[in-house]
PDB file of N, CA and C in Angstrom:
ATOM      1  N   MET A   1      -5.907 -10.875   9.984  1.00  0.00           N
ATOM      2  CA  MET A   1      -5.854 -12.140  10.688  1.00  0.00           C
ATOM      3  C   MET A   1      -6.346 -13.233   9.738  1.00  0.00           C
ATOM      4  N   PRO A   2      -5.546 -14.255   9.526  1.00  0.00           N
ATOM      5  CA  PRO A   2      -5.948 -15.327   8.605  1.00  0.00           C
ATOM      6  C   PRO A   2      -7.147 -16.121   9.105  1.00  0.00           C
ATOM      7  N   PHE A   3      -7.879 -16.710   8.184  1.00  0.00           N
ATOM      8  CA  PHE A   3      -9.035 -17.535   8.499  1.00  0.00           C
ATOM      9  C   PHE A   3      -8.606 -18.709   9.372  1.00  0.00           C
ATOM     10  N   GLY A   4      -9.350 -19.007  10.390  1.00  0.00           N
ATOM     11  CA  GLY A   4      -9.107 -20.156  11.243  1.00  0.00           C
ATOM     12  C   GLY A   4      -8.251 -19.872  12.463  1.00  0.00           C
ATOM     13  N   VAL A   5      -7.595 -18.722  12.512  1.00  0.00           N
ATOM     14  CA  VAL A   5      -6.712 -18.423  13.637  1.00  0.00           C
ATOM     15  C   VAL A   5      -7.496 -18.294  14.936  1.00  0.00           C
ATOM     16  N   VAL A   6      -8.640 -17.639  14.902  1.00  0.00           N
ATOM     17  CA  VAL A   6      -9.404 -17.379  16.122  1.00  0.00           C
ATOM     18  C   VAL A   6      -9.942 -18.659  16.743  1.00  0.00           C
ATOM     19  N   THR A   7     -10.255 -19.656  15.944  1.00  0.00           N
ATOM     20  CA  THR A   7     -10.849 -20.879  16.464  1.00  0.00           C
ATOM     21  C   THR A   7      -9.816 -21.947  16.838  1.00  0.00           C
ATOM     22  N   ASN A   8      -8.544 -21.696  16.588  1.00  0.00           N
ATOM     23  CA  ASN A   8      -7.489 -22.657  16.906  1.00  0.00           C
ATOM     24  C   ASN A   8      -6.579 -22.012  17.956  1.00  0.00           C
ATOM     25  N   VAL A   9      -6.679 -22.468  19.211  1.00  0.00           N
ATOM     26  CA  VAL A   9      -5.994 -21.819  20.329  1.00  0.00           C
ATOM     27  C   VAL A   9      -4.478 -21.792  20.140  1.00  0.00           C
ATOM     28  N   SER A  10      -3.869 -22.901  19.738  1.00  0.00           N
ATOM     29  CA  SER A  10      -2.410 -22.911  19.577  1.00  0.00           C
ATOM     30  C   SER A  10      -1.979 -22.036  18.413  1.00  0.00           C
ATOM     31  N   LEU A  11      -2.735 -22.040  17.343  1.00  0.00           N
ATOM     32  CA  LEU A  11      -2.422 -21.183  16.201  1.00  0.00           C
ATOM     33  C   LEU A  11      -2.593 -19.712  16.578  1.00  0.00           C
ATOM     34  N   LEU A  12      -3.615 -19.395  17.358  1.00  0.00           N
ATOM     35  CA  LEU A  12      -3.833 -18.024  17.817  1.00  0.00           C
ATOM     36  C   LEU A  12      -2.683 -17.556  18.700  1.00  0.00           C
ATOM     37  N   ALA A  13      -2.206 -18.402  19.593  1.00  0.00           N
ATOM     38  CA  ALA A  13      -1.084 -18.039  20.466  1.00  0.00           C
ATOM     39  C   ALA A  13       0.172 -17.773  19.643  1.00  0.00           C
ATOM     40  N   ASN A  14       0.437 -18.622  18.655  1.00  0.00           N
ATOM     41  CA  ASN A  14       1.599 -18.434  17.789  1.00  0.00           C
ATOM     42  C   ASN A  14       1.452 -17.154  16.969  1.00  0.00           C
ATOM     43  N   TYR A  15       0.273 -16.930  16.416  1.00  0.00           N
ATOM     44  CA  TYR A  15       0.010 -15.736  15.612  1.00  0.00           C
ATOM     45  C   TYR A  15       0.197 -14.471  16.465  1.00  0.00           C
ATOM     46  N   THR A  16      -0.335 -14.469  17.670  1.00  0.00           N
ATOM     47  CA  THR A  16      -0.214 -13.323  18.570  1.00  0.00           C
ATOM     48  C   THR A  16       1.252 -13.052  18.911  1.00  0.00           C
ATOM     49  N   ARG A  17       2.007 -14.100  19.169  1.00  0.00           N
ATOM     50  CA  ARG A  17       3.434 -13.957  19.471  1.00  0.00           C
ATOM     51  C   ARG A  17       4.186 -13.367  18.271  1.00  0.00           C
ATOM     52  N   GLU A  18       3.896 -13.857  17.082  1.00  0.00           N
ATOM     53  CA  GLU A  18       4.567 -13.379  15.872  1.00  0.00           C
ATOM     54  C   GLU A  18       4.194 -11.926  15.564  1.00  0.00           C
ATOM     55  N   VAL A  19       2.929 -11.576  15.727  1.00  0.00           N
ATOM     56  CA  VAL A  19       2.500 -10.192  15.495  1.00  0.00           C
ATOM     57  C   VAL A  19       3.179  -9.261  16.497  1.00  0.00           C
ATOM     58  N   SER A  20       3.250  -9.673  17.743  1.00  0.00           N
ATOM     59  CA  SER A  20       3.910  -8.852  18.769  1.00  0.00           C
ATOM     60  C   SER A  20       5.383  -8.637  18.439  1.00  0.00           C
ATOM     61  N   ALA A  21       6.057  -9.684  17.976  1.00  0.00           N
ATOM     62  CA  ALA A  21       7.468  -9.565  17.595  1.00  0.00           C
ATOM     63  C   ALA A  21       7.614  -8.632  16.395  1.00  0.00           C
ATOM     64  N   PHE A  22       6.680  -8.711  15.457  1.00  0.00           N
ATOM     65  CA  PHE A  22       6.732  -7.833  14.285  1.00  0.00           C
ATOM     66  C   PHE A  22       6.501  -6.378  14.683  1.00  0.00           C
ATOM     67  N   VAL A  23       5.558  -6.137  15.587  1.00  0.00           N
ATOM     68  CA  VAL A  23       5.298  -4.770  16.061  1.00  0.00           C
ATOM     69  C   VAL A  23       6.554  -4.206  16.724  1.00  0.00           C
ATOM     70  N   ALA A  24       7.239  -5.024  17.514  1.00  0.00           N
ATOM     71  CA  ALA A  24       8.437  -4.577  18.225  1.00  0.00           C
ATOM     72  C   ALA A  24       9.588  -4.275  17.269  1.00  0.00           C
ATOM     73  N   ASP A  25       9.721  -5.055  16.189  1.00  0.00           N
ATOM     74  CA  ASP A  25      10.813  -4.864  15.234  1.00  0.00           C
ATOM     75  C   ASP A  25      10.366  -5.280  13.841  1.00  0.00           C
ATOM     76  N   PRO A  26       9.701  -4.372  13.110  1.00  0.00           N
ATOM     77  CA  PRO A  26       9.164  -4.735  11.797  1.00  0.00           C
ATOM     78  C   PRO A  26      10.225  -5.060  10.750  1.00  0.00           C
ATOM     79  N   GLY A  27      11.473  -4.711  10.989  1.00  0.00           N
ATOM     80  CA  GLY A  27      12.520  -5.002  10.022  1.00  0.00           C
ATOM     81  C   GLY A  27      13.258  -6.296  10.274  1.00  0.00           C
ATOM     82  N   SER A  28      12.861  -7.042  11.310  1.00  0.00           N
ATOM     83  CA  SER A  28      13.583  -8.274  11.638  1.00  0.00           C
ATOM     84  C   SER A  28      13.312  -9.363  10.603  1.00  0.00           C
ATOM     85  N   PRO A  29      14.296 -10.233  10.361  1.00  0.00           N
ATOM     86  CA  PRO A  29      14.077 -11.359   9.443  1.00  0.00           C
ATOM     87  C   PRO A  29      12.906 -12.241   9.872  1.00  0.00           C
ATOM     88  N   GLN A  30      12.729 -12.424  11.191  1.00  0.00           N
ATOM     89  CA  GLN A  30      11.615 -13.229  11.696  1.00  0.00           C
ATOM     90  C   GLN A  30      10.285 -12.604  11.277  1.00  0.00           C
ATOM     91  N   GLY A  31      10.182 -11.278  11.404  1.00  0.00           N
ATOM     92  CA  GLY A  31       8.958 -10.593  11.019  1.00  0.00           C
ATOM     93  C   GLY A  31       8.667 -10.726   9.537  1.00  0.00           C
ATOM     94  N   LEU A  32       9.691 -10.623   8.721  1.00  0.00           N
ATOM     95  CA  LEU A  32       9.506 -10.752   7.273  1.00  0.00           C
ATOM     96  C   LEU A  32       9.095 -12.174   6.893  1.00  0.00           C
ATOM     97  N   ARG A  33       9.660 -13.168   7.566  1.00  0.00           N
ATOM     98  CA  ARG A  33       9.245 -14.556   7.320  1.00  0.00           C
ATOM     99  C   ARG A  33       7.781 -14.752   7.709  1.00  0.00           C
ATOM    100  N   PHE A  34       7.388 -14.141   8.823  1.00  0.00           N
ATOM    101  CA  PHE A  34       5.999 -14.230   9.276  1.00  0.00           C
ATOM    102  C   PHE A  34       5.057 -13.668   8.212  1.00  0.00           C
ATOM    103  N   LEU A  35       5.395 -12.489   7.677  1.00  0.00           N
ATOM    104  CA  LEU A  35       4.543 -11.872   6.653  1.00  0.00           C
ATOM    105  C   LEU A  35       4.439 -12.747   5.416  1.00  0.00           C
ATOM    106  N   THR A  36       5.558 -13.248   4.944  1.00  0.00           N
ATOM    107  CA  THR A  36       5.527 -14.062   3.731  1.00  0.00           C
ATOM    108  C   THR A  36       4.824 -15.400   3.961  1.00  0.00           C
ATOM    109  N   SER A  37       4.928 -15.946   5.177  1.00  0.00           N
ATOM    110  CA  SER A  37       4.270 -17.227   5.438  1.00  0.00           C
ATOM    111  C   SER A  37       2.751 -17.122   5.346  1.00  0.00           C
ATOM    112  N   PHE A  38       2.206 -15.945   5.607  1.00  0.00           N
ATOM    113  CA  PHE A  38       0.763 -15.736   5.509  1.00  0.00           C
ATOM    114  C   PHE A  38       0.364 -15.034   4.214  1.00  0.00           C
ATOM    115  N   GLY A  39       1.329 -14.777   3.340  1.00  0.00           N
ATOM    116  CA  GLY A  39       1.029 -14.147   2.059  1.00  0.00           C
ATOM    117  C   GLY A  39       0.597 -12.694   2.184  1.00  0.00           C
ATOM    118  N   VAL A  40       1.094 -12.001   3.196  1.00  0.00           N
ATOM    119  CA  VAL A  40       0.726 -10.603   3.416  1.00  0.00           C
ATOM    120  C   VAL A  40       1.313  -9.742   2.291  1.00  0.00           C
ATOM    121  N   THR A  41       0.502  -8.877   1.706  1.00  0.00           N
ATOM    122  CA  THR A  41       0.975  -7.989   0.650  1.00  0.00           C
ATOM    123  C   THR A  41       0.904  -6.519   1.054  1.00  0.00           C
ATOM    124  N   TYR A  42       0.051  -6.199   2.040  1.00  0.00           N
ATOM    125  CA  TYR A  42      -0.067  -4.822   2.516  1.00  0.00           C
ATOM    126  C   TYR A  42      -0.214  -4.820   4.035  1.00  0.00           C
ATOM    127  N   ILE A  43       0.260  -3.734   4.657  1.00  0.00           N
ATOM    128  CA  ILE A  43       0.141  -3.558   6.100  1.00  0.00           C
ATOM    129  C   ILE A  43      -0.625  -2.269   6.352  1.00  0.00           C
ATOM    130  N   TYR A  44      -1.687  -2.356   7.118  1.00  0.00           N
ATOM    131  CA  TYR A  44      -2.508  -1.203   7.492  1.00  0.00           C
ATOM    132  C   TYR A  44      -1.996  -0.626   8.798  1.00  0.00           C
ATOM    133  N   SER A  45      -1.844   0.679   8.830  1.00  0.00           N
ATOM    134  CA  SER A  45      -1.508   1.386  10.060  1.00  0.00           C
ATOM    135  C   SER A  45      -2.454   2.565  10.187  1.00  0.00           C
ATOM    136  N   GLY A  46      -3.309   2.508  11.178  1.00  0.00           N
ATOM    137  CA  GLY A  46      -4.297   3.566  11.362  1.00  0.00           C
ATOM    138  C   GLY A  46      -5.110   3.322  12.611  1.00  0.00           C
ATOM    139  N   PRO A  47      -6.187   4.075  12.788  1.00  0.00           N
ATOM    140  CA  PRO A  47      -6.950   4.011  14.031  1.00  0.00           C
ATOM    141  C   PRO A  47      -7.814   2.766  14.215  1.00  0.00           C
ATOM    142  N   ALA A  48      -8.193   2.071  13.153  1.00  0.00           N
ATOM    143  CA  ALA A  48      -9.039   0.884  13.299  1.00  0.00           C
ATOM    144  C   ALA A  48      -8.232  -0.254  13.914  1.00  0.00           C
ATOM    145  N   ARG A  49      -8.846  -1.024  14.782  1.00  0.00           N
ATOM    146  CA  ARG A  49      -8.174  -2.117  15.482  1.00  0.00           C
ATOM    147  C   ARG A  49      -9.019  -3.385  15.430  1.00  0.00           C
ATOM    148  N   ILE A  50      -8.343  -4.531  15.449  1.00  0.00           N
ATOM    149  CA  ILE A  50      -9.011  -5.827  15.541  1.00  0.00           C
ATOM    150  C   ILE A  50      -8.824  -6.330  16.965  1.00  0.00           C
ATOM    151  N   TYR A  51      -9.912  -6.592  17.645  1.00  0.00           N
ATOM    152  CA  TYR A  51      -9.895  -7.134  19.008  1.00  0.00           C
ATOM    153  C   TYR A  51      -9.050  -6.292  19.959  1.00  0.00           C
ATOM    154  N   GLY A  52      -9.010  -4.979  19.765  1.00  0.00           N
ATOM    155  CA  GLY A  52      -8.296  -4.088  20.668  1.00  0.00           C
ATOM    156  C   GLY A  52      -6.781  -4.206  20.636  1.00  0.00           C
ATOM    157  N   ARG A  53      -6.231  -4.867  19.637  1.00  0.00           N
ATOM    158  CA  ARG A  53      -4.775  -5.015  19.539  1.00  0.00           C
ATOM    159  C   ARG A  53      -4.130  -3.669  19.263  1.00  0.00           C
ATOM    160  N   SER A  54      -2.868  -3.570  19.639  1.00  0.00           N
ATOM    161  CA  SER A  54      -2.143  -2.342  19.324  1.00  0.00           C
ATOM    162  C   SER A  54      -1.908  -2.296  17.813  1.00  0.00           C
ATOM    163  N   GLY A  55      -1.792  -1.114  17.293  1.00  0.00           N
ATOM    164  CA  GLY A  55      -1.577  -0.961  15.862  1.00  0.00           C
ATOM    165  C   GLY A  55      -0.102  -0.951  15.513  1.00  0.00           C
ATOM    166  N   PHE A  56       0.168  -0.824  14.233  1.00  0.00           N
ATOM    167  CA  PHE A  56       1.532  -0.748  13.740  1.00  0.00           C
ATOM    168  C   PHE A  56       1.957   0.708  13.657  1.00  0.00           C
ATOM    169  N   ASP A  57       3.173   0.985  14.079  1.00  0.00           N
ATOM    170  CA  ASP A  57       3.724   2.333  14.054  1.00  0.00           C
ATOM    171  C   ASP A  57       4.201   2.651  12.636  1.00  0.00           C
ATOM    172  N   PRO A  58       3.611   3.661  11.975  1.00  0.00           N
ATOM    173  CA  PRO A  58       4.014   3.960  10.600  1.00  0.00           C
ATOM    174  C   PRO A  58       5.474   4.386  10.486  1.00  0.00           C
ATOM    175  N   ILE A  59       5.996   5.042  11.497  1.00  0.00           N
ATOM    176  CA  ILE A  59       7.410   5.467  11.452  1.00  0.00           C
ATOM    177  C   ILE A  59       8.312   4.234  11.482  1.00  0.00           C
ATOM    178  N   ALA A  60       7.996   3.273  12.340  1.00  0.00           N
ATOM    179  CA  ALA A  60       8.791   2.045  12.419  1.00  0.00           C
ATOM    180  C   ALA A  60       8.721   1.268  11.110  1.00  0.00           C
ATOM    181  N   LEU A  61       7.541   1.218  10.487  1.00  0.00           N
ATOM    182  CA  LEU A  61       7.405   0.514   9.209  1.00  0.00           C
ATOM    183  C   LEU A  61       8.211   1.219   8.114  1.00  0.00           C
ATOM    184  N   PHE A  62       8.115   2.532   8.068  1.00  0.00           N
ATOM    185  CA  PHE A  62       8.862   3.316   7.082  1.00  0.00           C
ATOM    186  C   PHE A  62      10.370   3.126   7.297  1.00  0.00           C
ATOM    187  N   THR A  63      10.808   3.192   8.549  1.00  0.00           N
ATOM    188  CA  THR A  63      12.220   3.018   8.885  1.00  0.00           C
ATOM    189  C   THR A  63      12.715   1.614   8.526  1.00  0.00           C
ATOM    190  N   ALA A  64      11.847   0.623   8.652  1.00  0.00           N
ATOM    191  CA  ALA A  64      12.206  -0.759   8.318  1.00  0.00           C
ATOM    192  C   ALA A  64      12.265  -0.992   6.813  1.00  0.00           C
ATOM    193  N   GLY A  65      11.884   0.013   6.020  1.00  0.00           N
ATOM    194  CA  GLY A  65      11.998  -0.108   4.571  1.00  0.00           C
ATOM    195  C   GLY A  65      10.713  -0.413   3.831  1.00  0.00           C
ATOM    196  N   PHE A  66       9.591  -0.444   4.538  1.00  0.00           N
ATOM    197  CA  PHE A  66       8.322  -0.670   3.849  1.00  0.00           C
ATOM    198  C   PHE A  66       7.918   0.604   3.116  1.00  0.00           C
ATOM    199  N   ARG A  67       7.456   0.458   1.877  1.00  0.00           N
ATOM    200  CA  ARG A  67       7.072   1.607   1.062  1.00  0.00           C
ATOM    201  C   ARG A  67       5.593   1.938   1.275  1.00  0.00           C
ATOM    202  N   PRO A  68       5.298   3.223   1.540  1.00  0.00           N
ATOM    203  CA  PRO A  68       3.884   3.604   1.652  1.00  0.00           C
ATOM    204  C   PRO A  68       3.203   3.508   0.286  1.00  0.00           C
ATOM    205  N   ALA A  69       2.068   2.834   0.247  1.00  0.00           N
ATOM    206  CA  ALA A  69       1.266   2.750  -0.977  1.00  0.00           C
ATOM    207  C   ALA A  69       0.120   3.752  -0.912  1.00  0.00           C
ATOM    208  N   TYR A  70      -0.229   4.169   0.320  1.00  0.00           N
ATOM    209  CA  TYR A  70      -1.342   5.107   0.513  1.00  0.00           C
ATOM    210  C   TYR A  70      -1.138   5.798   1.848  1.00  0.00           C
ATOM    211  N   HIS A  71      -1.483   7.081   1.872  1.00  0.00           N
ATOM    212  CA  HIS A  71      -1.449   7.822   3.128  1.00  0.00           C
ATOM    213  C   HIS A  71      -2.471   8.949   3.057  1.00  0.00           C
ATOM    214  N   TYR A  72      -3.305   9.034   4.059  1.00  0.00           N
ATOM    215  CA  TYR A  72      -4.253  10.130   4.202  1.00  0.00           C
ATOM    216  C   TYR A  72      -4.560  10.294   5.680  1.00  0.00           C
ATOM    217  N   ASN A  73      -4.323  11.501   6.201  1.00  0.00           N
ATOM    218  CA  ASN A  73      -4.488  11.780   7.633  1.00  0.00           C
ATOM    219  C   ASN A  73      -3.699  10.774   8.458  1.00  0.00           C
ATOM    220  N   ASP A  74      -4.384   9.994   9.297  1.00  0.00           N
ATOM    221  CA  ASP A  74      -3.666   9.049  10.150  1.00  0.00           C
ATOM    222  C   ASP A  74      -3.754   7.606   9.655  1.00  0.00           C
ATOM    223  N   VAL A  75      -4.113   7.430   8.390  1.00  0.00           N
ATOM    224  CA  VAL A  75      -4.176   6.091   7.799  1.00  0.00           C
ATOM    225  C   VAL A  75      -3.011   5.911   6.819  1.00  0.00           C
ATOM    226  N   TRP A  76      -2.283   4.849   7.016  1.00  0.00           N
ATOM    227  CA  TRP A  76      -1.174   4.474   6.132  1.00  0.00           C
ATOM    228  C   TRP A  76      -1.390   3.044   5.660  1.00  0.00           C
ATOM    229  N   ILE A  77      -1.091   2.798   4.399  1.00  0.00           N
ATOM    230  CA  ILE A  77      -1.054   1.425   3.874  1.00  0.00           C
ATOM    231  C   ILE A  77       0.353   1.251   3.309  1.00  0.00           C
ATOM    232  N   PHE A  78       1.058   0.246   3.812  1.00  0.00           N
ATOM    233  CA  PHE A  78       2.427  -0.035   3.361  1.00  0.00           C
ATOM    234  C   PHE A  78       2.428  -1.287   2.509  1.00  0.00           C
ATOM    235  N   GLN A  79       3.208  -1.262   1.453  1.00  0.00           N
ATOM    236  CA  GLN A  79       3.334  -2.434   0.580  1.00  0.00           C
ATOM    237  C   GLN A  79       4.465  -3.318   1.086  1.00  0.00           C
ATOM    238  N   VAL A  80       4.200  -4.609   1.112  1.00  0.00           N
ATOM    239  CA  VAL A  80       5.224  -5.576   1.466  1.00  0.00           C
ATOM    240  C   VAL A  80       5.871  -6.022   0.165  1.00  0.00           C
ATOM    241  N   ALA A  81       7.181  -5.876   0.064  1.00  0.00           N
ATOM    242  CA  ALA A  81       7.894  -6.197  -1.191  1.00  0.00           C
ATOM    243  C   ALA A  81       7.833  -7.653  -1.523  1.00  0.00           C
TER     244      ALA A  81
END
């Protein structure tokens, strides 16, 4: 979560909407634009959660073309191209 998102209600609502859309379809052009707009270079998929949000499905990320950079047990780190 980028700095300042939690303290800005409209930015938080937009961020939450974009993250939800990315979770639903990680291969969508909208999702890729969202990642690049925030300078995301890696995606974590594992048991740790921020504010109880749902996590990213590693199978969906792999299917969308993201390359695993790390995997151990139930933790995956995917590289954003």
